[in-house]
Every structure is written in structure tokens, then in C-alpha cells.
């Protein structure tokens, strides 16, 4: 798998180089772009499969199949059999989702959430994660030791939070034996969890949810535009402002820097031209770049406006996510559910997340 993926990535790099250097008319570029899109799709599928948690038994495994059937009975009819298989309930009475279904939801959500694609992802079994301030290796030809300041600064604590998602299914569908309930829950939960994670990873308050990338801590690093309520009065001013943010990063972060903004801000960047009249925003295989730096779309970021922070330039590897393996679902009935002939399904996914190196992120602020 690894060798095949490496070969495909090398092929992708070659095709991208061909597109950048192509001087021919649009037909050749379109053909190369089509090949890139197809290859990226194959790479995404392989990456998703590779990122699924290890140790999941194949679908044909008897125990896995039995749990899948018991979960289906619980979801459709409220059957308690799944609770007797291995005591798989949490303190709230919700049942633990079958591992293969939970893994697919996590994998799908990771593909939809652009922050997760570039962040540092790990796992935890605890209710909080302590990330040491000296979280990166130190090297020396002499003695290697942390400074007193590094030791004194201790740890960054990332608390595990519950990301909840509610899906409502009509009773009529639940009683339909041909209705693929697991597939529908996978689809709806994947999209919902991805959207809520993306919001929290950018704008989370840190209370009951992760502290997002755009926080008081990172805003202290901000660079500010010269024009009130905008990125700049001229294209040159916009380019200078973003370059200022890029070069405020240390080189080790700059090498992996991404530009984070929402679609409205990207549309503004798409109009920016250099001194020769060339647009600085380009696209390759569906990915946008501004002056060669990849744009990560974060729809929950500010629009451009006075005192707003519509852009962050940073190294997303310094945003860390620690997933708990357990994912639960609780069946909700009674009250308005019975009145409307529906059943609610409340999913709970647990993870810790946050910025571990504040200096790796530089917001761009519009002048008041």
C-alpha cells in the first residue's frame, strides 16, 4: 500500500509540473487536469482507508457481524440485545457504535474537514492530553538540554470534549427492511460532525469545546492592514500584507504554511493581480493557491471588515487533535418524537484539540 501510494504521489507531482509548464492551448491543460483529478480521487480513497483505525475485523467476522445486527435492531426497534453483548453502554445509557461504522464516520469526517487534513492527528484514552511546551525535538553537536524557561513553562492541557450530532429518522423508514439505516447514519453523521469540528477548530471558545485557531492567543501575533475595513486599498497593498504575515512566521513554520480563509475572502483574493497583471490565485486539481501558498477553506472565519480577522497564515501541524476511540449513539423517543412519528439518534464523538505552538499562526486583521 505505501509503495503504491508513493508511486501515485510521484505521478501526481509530475502531472502538476506538466500543467505549470504547459504553454500549449487549453486542451492539453484540460486533459492533464482531468488526469490529476482522477489520480487525486484514487489517492484520497487510499489515504482514507489507511487512516482508519487498525485492528478492525473484516465485515465477514462473526463477532463484527453480530454487533452490526444487534446495533441495527437497537436503532430500528430499541432492542437491548446490543447492551448484553459486551456491556457496551456509556454512563448516559448510549450504546457504543460498532467499530467499523464509527471508523467510517471518522474517516469521512476527516476527508470533509480541511483542518484535519493538515493537522497533527493522534489518539488518547484519557479525558485530557498534556502537551509539553518542549514538544519538538532539540538537536545539538554538544549537550542537549531544555532551558529553565522551557521546563518552567510546563504543559499545554487539551481537554477532551464531546462533539454531539442529532439525526432524526422517520419511523416509516426504520420499519422498511430495504432502507439502509447504517449507510444513512454514516452519511448524515459524517457531514454533521465534520461541519461542527471545522467550526470549533477555527472559532471554538475553549468552554465546552476546543479553543480554536483564531483566539486571543494567536490574535496577539496579528498583522494589521493599512486600509480601514479591508485588506488594502490596492492589490500591491494586499500582497504586501499577506507577505508580512507569511514572513512573520519562523522559517520552520513558513515551509509548511497554509492560508486559512472563507470562500468570500478567497473570492477577493481571486481578483488580486501582480505588477504584470497576472492573477496570484491559481487552482490545481480543485486546490486553490495564493502566490504559491495553499488555501485551506474555513467557512467559519470572519468576512473582511473593520477589526475582523479574515485570514490566518500558519503551520497547521501545530494544531493537534487527539481522538478518543469510543463513539456512542443514543436512541431518542417519546414527546415530540412520538408526535411526529420520528426517532432521534444522538451521536457523541470525543476528542481534544488545540494550538500547541502559538507562534506558528499569524492572523491578518483589517484596520478598524
Protein backbone atom coordinates (compact mmCIF):
# COMPACT_ATOMS: atom_id res chain seq x y z
CA UNK A 1 0.00 0.00 0.00
CA UNK A 2 2.74 2.50 1.00
CA UNK A 3 4.82 1.84 -2.13
CA UNK A 4 1.77 2.13 -4.36
CA UNK A 5 0.78 5.41 -2.69
CA UNK A 6 4.31 6.80 -3.08
CA UNK A 7 4.26 5.94 -6.79
CA UNK A 8 0.89 7.64 -7.24
CA UNK A 9 2.11 10.76 -5.43
CA UNK A 10 5.18 10.93 -7.66
CA UNK A 11 2.93 10.60 -10.72
CA UNK A 12 0.73 13.40 -9.33
CA UNK A 13 3.75 15.70 -8.85
CA UNK A 14 4.79 15.04 -12.45
CA UNK A 15 1.36 15.87 -13.81
CA UNK A 16 1.19 19.07 -11.75
CA UNK A 17 4.59 20.10 -13.08
CA UNK A 18 3.34 19.48 -16.65
CA UNK A 19 0.35 21.74 -16.03
CA UNK A 20 2.50 24.55 -14.65
CA UNK A 21 4.94 24.38 -17.55
CA UNK A 22 2.42 23.78 -20.34
CA UNK A 23 2.42 26.51 -22.99
CA UNK A 24 0.02 24.71 -25.28
CA UNK A 25 -3.63 25.65 -25.76
CA UNK A 26 -6.23 24.75 -23.19
CA UNK A 27 -6.93 21.23 -24.49
CA UNK A 28 -3.68 19.77 -23.15
CA UNK A 29 -4.05 21.57 -19.84
CA UNK A 30 -7.63 20.29 -19.53
CA UNK A 31 -6.50 16.73 -20.26
CA UNK A 32 -3.72 16.93 -17.67
CA UNK A 33 -6.11 18.43 -15.13
CA UNK A 34 -8.58 15.58 -15.70
CA UNK A 35 -5.79 13.06 -15.07
CA UNK A 36 -4.82 14.91 -11.88
CA UNK A 37 -8.44 14.90 -10.63
CA UNK A 38 -8.77 11.18 -11.24
CA UNK A 39 -5.44 10.43 -9.54
CA UNK A 40 -6.28 12.64 -6.54
CA UNK A 41 -9.53 10.71 -6.13
CA UNK A 42 -7.64 7.42 -6.02
CA UNK A 43 -5.11 8.86 -3.53
CA UNK A 44 -7.91 10.18 -1.29
CA UNK A 45 -9.55 6.74 -1.24
CA UNK A 46 -6.28 5.03 -0.34
CA UNK A 47 -5.48 7.65 2.31
CA UNK A 48 -8.93 7.30 3.87
CA UNK A 49 -8.51 3.54 4.04
CA UNK A 50 -5.02 3.88 5.53
CA UNK A 51 -6.23 6.33 8.19
CA UNK A 52 -8.93 4.06 9.51
CA UNK A 53 -8.10 2.71 12.95
CA UNK A 54 -6.16 -0.54 12.94
CA UNK A 55 -7.48 -3.73 14.40
CA UNK A 56 -10.97 -3.55 12.88
CA UNK A 57 -12.11 -7.03 11.92
CA UNK A 58 -13.36 -7.64 8.39
CA UNK A 59 -17.08 -7.40 7.78
CA UNK A 60 -17.28 -11.17 7.46
CA UNK A 61 -16.01 -11.68 11.03
CA UNK A 62 -18.72 -13.34 13.11
CA UNK A 63 -18.43 -11.01 16.13
CA UNK A 64 -18.41 -7.89 13.96
CA UNK A 65 -21.43 -9.13 12.03
CA UNK A 66 -23.26 -9.95 15.25
CA UNK A 67 -22.63 -6.48 16.67
CA UNK A 68 -23.75 -4.88 13.41
CA UNK A 69 -27.01 -6.83 13.51
CA UNK A 70 -27.56 -6.02 17.18
CA UNK A 71 -26.90 -2.32 16.52
CA UNK A 72 -29.38 -2.36 13.63
CA UNK A 73 -32.01 -3.93 15.90
CA UNK A 74 -31.33 -1.31 18.57
CA UNK A 75 -31.53 1.56 16.07
CA UNK A 76 -34.70 0.33 14.36
CA UNK A 77 -36.64 -1.11 17.31
CA UNK A 78 -34.85 -0.12 20.51
CA UNK A 79 -33.74 -3.71 21.14
CA UNK A 80 -31.44 -4.04 24.15
CA UNK A 81 -29.55 -7.09 22.82
CA UNK A 82 -26.51 -4.98 21.89
CA UNK A 83 -26.12 -4.00 25.55
CA UNK A 84 -25.75 -7.62 26.60
CA UNK A 85 -23.07 -8.48 24.04
CA UNK A 86 -20.22 -6.90 25.98
CA UNK A 87 -21.77 -4.34 28.30
CA UNK A 88 -21.28 -1.72 25.60
CA UNK A 89 -23.08 1.30 27.04
CA UNK A 90 -21.80 4.56 28.46
CA UNK A 91 -22.86 6.44 31.61
CA UNK A 92 -25.72 8.12 29.73
CA UNK A 93 -27.17 4.83 28.54
CA UNK A 94 -25.99 5.30 24.95
CA UNK A 95 -24.55 2.32 23.08
CA UNK A 96 -21.09 2.19 21.60
CA UNK A 97 -21.27 2.25 17.84
CA UNK A 98 -19.82 -0.79 16.00
CA UNK A 99 -16.15 -0.08 15.37
CA UNK A 100 -16.34 -0.38 11.59
CA UNK A 101 -19.22 2.12 11.34
CA UNK A 102 -17.51 4.52 13.76
CA UNK A 103 -14.28 4.24 11.76
CA UNK A 104 -16.08 5.09 8.51
CA UNK A 105 -17.74 8.14 10.06
CA UNK A 106 -14.39 9.38 11.40
CA UNK A 107 -12.67 8.78 8.08
CA UNK A 108 -15.41 10.54 6.10
CA UNK A 109 -15.46 13.49 8.50
CA UNK A 110 -11.68 13.78 8.25
CA UNK A 111 -11.89 14.00 4.46
CA UNK A 112 -14.52 16.77 4.65
CA UNK A 113 -12.78 18.82 7.37
CA UNK A 114 -9.90 20.68 5.75
CA UNK A 115 -8.25 21.49 9.07
CA UNK A 116 -7.98 17.78 9.92
CA UNK A 117 -6.29 17.07 6.57
CA UNK A 118 -3.28 19.15 7.60
CA UNK A 119 -3.34 18.99 11.43
CA UNK A 120 -1.37 16.62 13.63
CA UNK A 121 -3.73 13.72 14.46
CA UNK A 122 -3.26 11.28 17.33
CA UNK A 123 -5.32 9.21 19.79
CA UNK A 124 -5.91 9.23 23.52
CA UNK A 125 -7.68 7.14 26.12
CA UNK A 126 -7.67 9.94 28.72
CA UNK A 127 -10.05 12.80 29.43
CA UNK A 128 -7.29 15.34 28.79
CA UNK A 129 -3.96 15.45 27.00
CA UNK A 130 -0.85 17.19 28.33
CA UNK A 131 1.33 18.54 25.54
CA UNK A 132 4.76 19.67 26.81
CA UNK A 133 5.91 23.10 25.74
CA UNK A 134 9.10 21.41 24.56
CA UNK A 135 7.03 19.30 22.15
CA UNK A 136 9.56 19.44 19.32
CA UNK A 137 12.97 17.75 19.35
CA UNK A 138 16.11 19.73 20.14
CA UNK A 139 19.36 18.88 18.43
CA UNK A 140 22.96 19.86 19.09
CA UNK A 141 26.52 18.71 18.41
CA UNK A 142 27.14 19.40 22.08
CA UNK A 143 24.98 18.97 25.15
CA UNK A 144 21.24 18.78 24.51
CA UNK A 145 19.12 20.09 27.37
CA UNK A 146 15.96 22.15 27.81
CA UNK A 147 16.31 25.69 29.10
CA UNK A 148 14.94 26.53 32.57
CA UNK A 149 12.28 28.64 30.82
CA UNK A 150 11.15 25.67 28.70
CA UNK A 151 10.86 23.43 31.75
CA UNK A 152 9.16 26.09 33.84
CA UNK A 153 6.52 26.74 31.20
CA UNK A 154 5.22 23.20 31.76
CA UNK A 155 2.41 21.82 29.62
CA UNK A 156 -0.48 22.83 27.45
CA UNK A 157 -3.56 20.92 28.62
CA UNK A 158 -6.03 19.92 25.90
CA UNK A 159 -9.33 18.80 27.41
CA UNK A 160 -11.41 16.09 25.75
CA UNK A 161 -14.80 17.46 24.68
CA UNK A 162 -17.98 15.80 23.40
CA UNK A 163 -18.97 16.70 19.84
CA UNK A 164 -22.67 15.81 19.60
CA UNK A 165 -24.75 15.38 16.48
CA UNK A 166 -28.52 14.78 16.24
CA UNK A 167 -30.16 12.98 13.33
CA UNK A 168 -33.92 12.43 13.05
CA UNK A 169 -35.25 9.48 11.01
CA UNK A 170 -38.95 8.82 10.22
CA UNK A 171 -40.39 5.67 11.82
CA UNK A 172 -41.62 4.71 8.37
CA UNK A 173 -38.02 4.39 7.17
CA UNK A 174 -36.96 2.42 10.25
CA UNK A 175 -39.67 -0.18 9.60
CA UNK A 176 -38.54 -0.56 5.97
CA UNK A 177 -36.24 -3.59 5.80
CA UNK A 178 -34.79 -2.35 2.49
CA UNK A 179 -33.79 1.01 3.99
CA UNK A 180 -30.04 1.05 4.63
CA UNK A 181 -30.09 2.72 8.04
CA UNK A 182 -26.38 2.31 8.75
CA UNK A 183 -25.47 4.00 5.44
CA UNK A 184 -27.84 6.90 6.12
CA UNK A 185 -26.49 7.41 9.66
CA UNK A 186 -22.94 7.25 8.28
CA UNK A 187 -23.72 9.89 5.66
CA UNK A 188 -25.56 12.31 7.95
CA UNK A 189 -23.29 11.96 10.98
CA UNK A 190 -20.13 12.30 8.85
CA UNK A 191 -21.28 15.60 7.37
CA UNK A 192 -22.63 16.99 10.65
CA UNK A 193 -19.56 16.08 12.74
CA UNK A 194 -17.25 17.47 10.06
CA UNK A 195 -19.04 20.83 9.98
CA UNK A 196 -19.11 21.22 13.77
CA UNK A 197 -15.46 20.20 14.15
CA UNK A 198 -14.46 22.67 11.42
CA UNK A 199 -16.26 25.48 13.26
CA UNK A 200 -14.73 24.64 16.64
CA UNK A 201 -11.23 24.14 15.24
CA UNK A 202 -11.32 27.71 13.91
CA UNK A 203 -13.59 29.66 16.25
CA UNK A 204 -14.07 27.45 19.32
CA UNK A 205 -14.28 29.29 22.65
CA UNK A 206 -12.45 26.71 24.77
CA UNK A 207 -15.51 26.35 27.03
CA UNK A 208 -17.21 23.01 26.43
CA UNK A 209 -15.41 22.82 23.09
CA UNK A 210 -11.83 23.15 21.77
CA UNK A 211 -10.17 26.57 21.69
CA UNK A 212 -9.95 27.42 18.02
CA UNK A 213 -7.06 28.70 15.94
CA UNK A 214 -8.46 32.25 15.90
CA UNK A 215 -8.18 33.06 19.60
CA UNK A 216 -6.86 35.83 21.83
CA UNK A 217 -3.55 33.97 21.97
CA UNK A 218 -2.96 33.91 18.20
CA UNK A 219 -4.52 37.35 17.65
CA UNK A 220 -1.61 38.76 19.65
CA UNK A 221 0.56 37.79 16.64
CA UNK A 222 -1.65 39.58 14.10
CA UNK A 223 -0.54 41.91 11.35
CA UNK A 224 -2.95 44.75 10.52
CA UNK A 225 -3.92 46.29 7.21
CA UNK A 226 -3.38 49.97 6.45
CA UNK A 227 -6.86 50.46 4.96
CA UNK A 228 -9.91 50.59 7.24
CA UNK A 229 -12.25 47.61 6.83
CA UNK A 230 -10.27 45.96 4.02
CA UNK A 231 -7.09 44.06 3.24
CA UNK A 232 -5.71 47.01 1.33
CA UNK A 233 -6.60 49.91 -0.93
CA UNK A 234 -4.59 48.44 -3.81
CA UNK A 235 -3.58 44.98 -4.99
CA UNK A 236 0.00 45.80 -4.07
CA UNK A 237 -1.10 46.59 -0.51
CA UNK A 238 -2.95 43.27 -0.23
CA UNK A 239 0.09 41.35 -1.47
CA UNK A 240 2.37 43.21 0.95
CA UNK A 241 0.03 42.50 3.88
CA UNK A 242 -0.10 38.75 3.25
CA UNK A 243 3.66 38.63 2.68
CA UNK A 244 4.10 40.41 6.00
CA UNK A 245 2.09 37.66 7.71
CA UNK A 246 4.00 34.90 5.91
CA UNK A 247 7.41 36.29 6.82
CA UNK A 248 6.43 36.91 10.42
CA UNK A 249 6.49 33.11 10.76
CA UNK A 250 9.76 31.42 11.56
CA UNK A 251 11.18 29.54 8.61
CA UNK A 252 10.37 26.13 10.11
CA UNK A 253 6.68 27.09 10.15
CA UNK A 254 6.80 29.04 6.89
CA UNK A 255 7.87 25.95 4.95
CA UNK A 256 4.51 24.33 5.71
CA UNK A 257 2.38 27.46 5.89
CA UNK A 258 -1.21 27.50 4.66
CA UNK A 259 -3.56 30.44 4.15
CA UNK A 260 -6.85 29.94 6.02
CA UNK A 261 -9.88 31.98 4.96
CA UNK A 262 -13.52 31.56 3.98
CA UNK A 263 -14.90 31.47 0.44
CA UNK A 264 -15.85 35.16 0.44
CA UNK A 265 -12.29 36.16 1.26
CA UNK A 266 -10.93 33.75 -1.32
CA UNK A 267 -13.15 35.45 -3.91
CA UNK A 268 -11.49 38.77 -3.03
CA UNK A 269 -8.02 37.22 -3.32
CA UNK A 270 -9.01 35.82 -6.72
CA UNK A 271 -9.16 39.39 -8.08
CA UNK A 272 -5.68 40.38 -6.87
CA UNK A 273 -3.08 40.81 -9.64
CA UNK A 274 0.66 41.37 -9.51
CA UNK A 275 2.53 44.21 -11.19
CA UNK A 276 2.44 42.36 -14.52
CA UNK A 277 -1.32 41.89 -14.44
CA UNK A 278 -1.19 38.18 -13.53
CA UNK A 279 -3.69 36.78 -11.06
CA UNK A 280 -1.99 35.46 -7.93
CA UNK A 281 -4.73 32.96 -7.11
CA UNK A 282 -4.37 29.74 -9.08
CA UNK A 283 -6.05 26.36 -8.92
CA UNK A 284 -4.65 22.86 -9.35
CA UNK A 285 -6.90 19.83 -9.13
CA UNK A 286 -9.51 21.73 -7.15
CA UNK A 287 -7.00 23.19 -4.68
CA UNK A 288 -6.52 26.97 -4.54
CA UNK A 289 -3.15 28.67 -4.09
CA UNK A 290 -2.36 32.32 -3.48
CA UNK A 291 1.11 33.25 -4.67
CA UNK A 292 2.03 29.57 -4.39
CA UNK A 293 0.68 29.05 -0.85
CA UNK A 294 -2.18 26.57 -0.46
CA UNK A 295 -5.51 27.98 0.69
CA UNK A 296 -7.42 25.95 3.30
CA UNK A 297 -11.10 26.88 3.17
CA UNK A 298 -12.55 27.57 6.62
CA UNK A 299 -16.09 28.86 6.21
CA UNK A 300 -16.41 29.85 9.87
CA UNK A 301 -13.71 32.51 9.64
CA UNK A 302 -14.56 36.23 9.59
CA UNK A 303 -15.55 38.01 6.42
CA UNK A 304 -13.45 41.03 5.53
CA UNK A 305 -14.50 44.01 7.67
CA UNK A 306 -13.35 46.53 10.23
CA UNK A 307 -11.45 44.93 13.13
CA UNK A 308 -12.09 41.45 11.69
CA UNK A 309 -9.54 38.65 11.19
CA UNK A 310 -10.46 37.18 7.78
CA UNK A 311 -7.13 35.38 7.18
CA UNK A 312 -4.72 33.31 9.22
CA UNK A 313 -1.36 32.22 7.85
CA UNK A 314 0.10 29.29 9.73
CA UNK A 315 1.51 25.80 10.02
CA UNK A 316 -1.44 23.52 10.76
CA UNK A 317 0.86 20.78 12.01
CA UNK A 318 0.99 22.88 15.19
CA UNK A 319 -2.74 22.32 15.68
CA UNK A 320 -3.10 18.92 17.35
CA UNK A 321 -6.14 16.64 17.54
CA UNK A 322 -6.40 13.66 19.90
CA UNK A 323 -9.34 11.36 19.17
CA UNK A 324 -10.98 9.04 21.67
CA UNK A 325 -11.79 5.70 20.06
CA UNK A 326 -15.25 5.46 21.62
CA UNK A 327 -18.22 6.82 19.67
CA UNK A 328 -21.73 6.37 21.08
CA UNK A 329 -25.30 6.69 19.83
CA UNK A 330 -28.45 7.09 21.90
CA UNK A 331 -31.92 6.39 20.54
CA UNK A 332 -34.40 9.15 21.43
CA UNK A 333 -38.17 8.57 21.58
CA UNK A 334 -41.19 9.99 23.36
CA UNK A 335 -42.61 13.50 23.43
CA UNK A 336 -42.30 15.34 20.10
CA UNK A 337 -40.61 12.33 18.50
CA UNK A 338 -43.72 10.20 19.06
CA UNK A 339 -45.99 13.07 17.98
CA UNK A 340 -44.11 13.42 14.69
CA UNK A 341 -43.62 9.66 14.20
CA UNK A 342 -39.84 10.01 14.19
CA UNK A 343 -36.87 8.70 16.17
CA UNK A 344 -33.85 10.77 17.12
CA UNK A 345 -30.29 9.47 17.15
CA UNK A 346 -27.78 11.40 19.26
CA UNK A 347 -24.15 10.68 18.38
CA UNK A 348 -21.28 11.60 20.67
CA UNK A 349 -17.71 11.73 19.33
CA UNK A 350 -14.95 12.70 21.76
CA UNK A 351 -11.64 14.45 21.12
CA UNK A 352 -9.18 17.01 22.41
CA UNK A 353 -7.82 19.66 20.05
CA UNK A 354 -5.94 22.92 20.11
CA UNK A 355 -2.98 25.05 19.07
CA UNK A 356 0.24 23.79 20.64
CA UNK A 357 2.60 26.41 19.14
CA UNK A 358 1.00 29.87 19.13
CA UNK A 359 3.96 31.34 17.24
CA UNK A 360 3.08 29.13 14.26
CA UNK A 361 -0.04 31.18 13.44
CA UNK A 362 -0.29 34.80 12.28
CA UNK A 363 -3.79 36.26 11.77
CA UNK A 364 -4.38 39.09 9.34
CA UNK A 365 -6.52 41.85 10.82
CA UNK A 366 -8.43 44.55 8.95
CA UNK A 367 -7.88 48.04 10.33
CA UNK A 368 -10.79 49.41 12.38
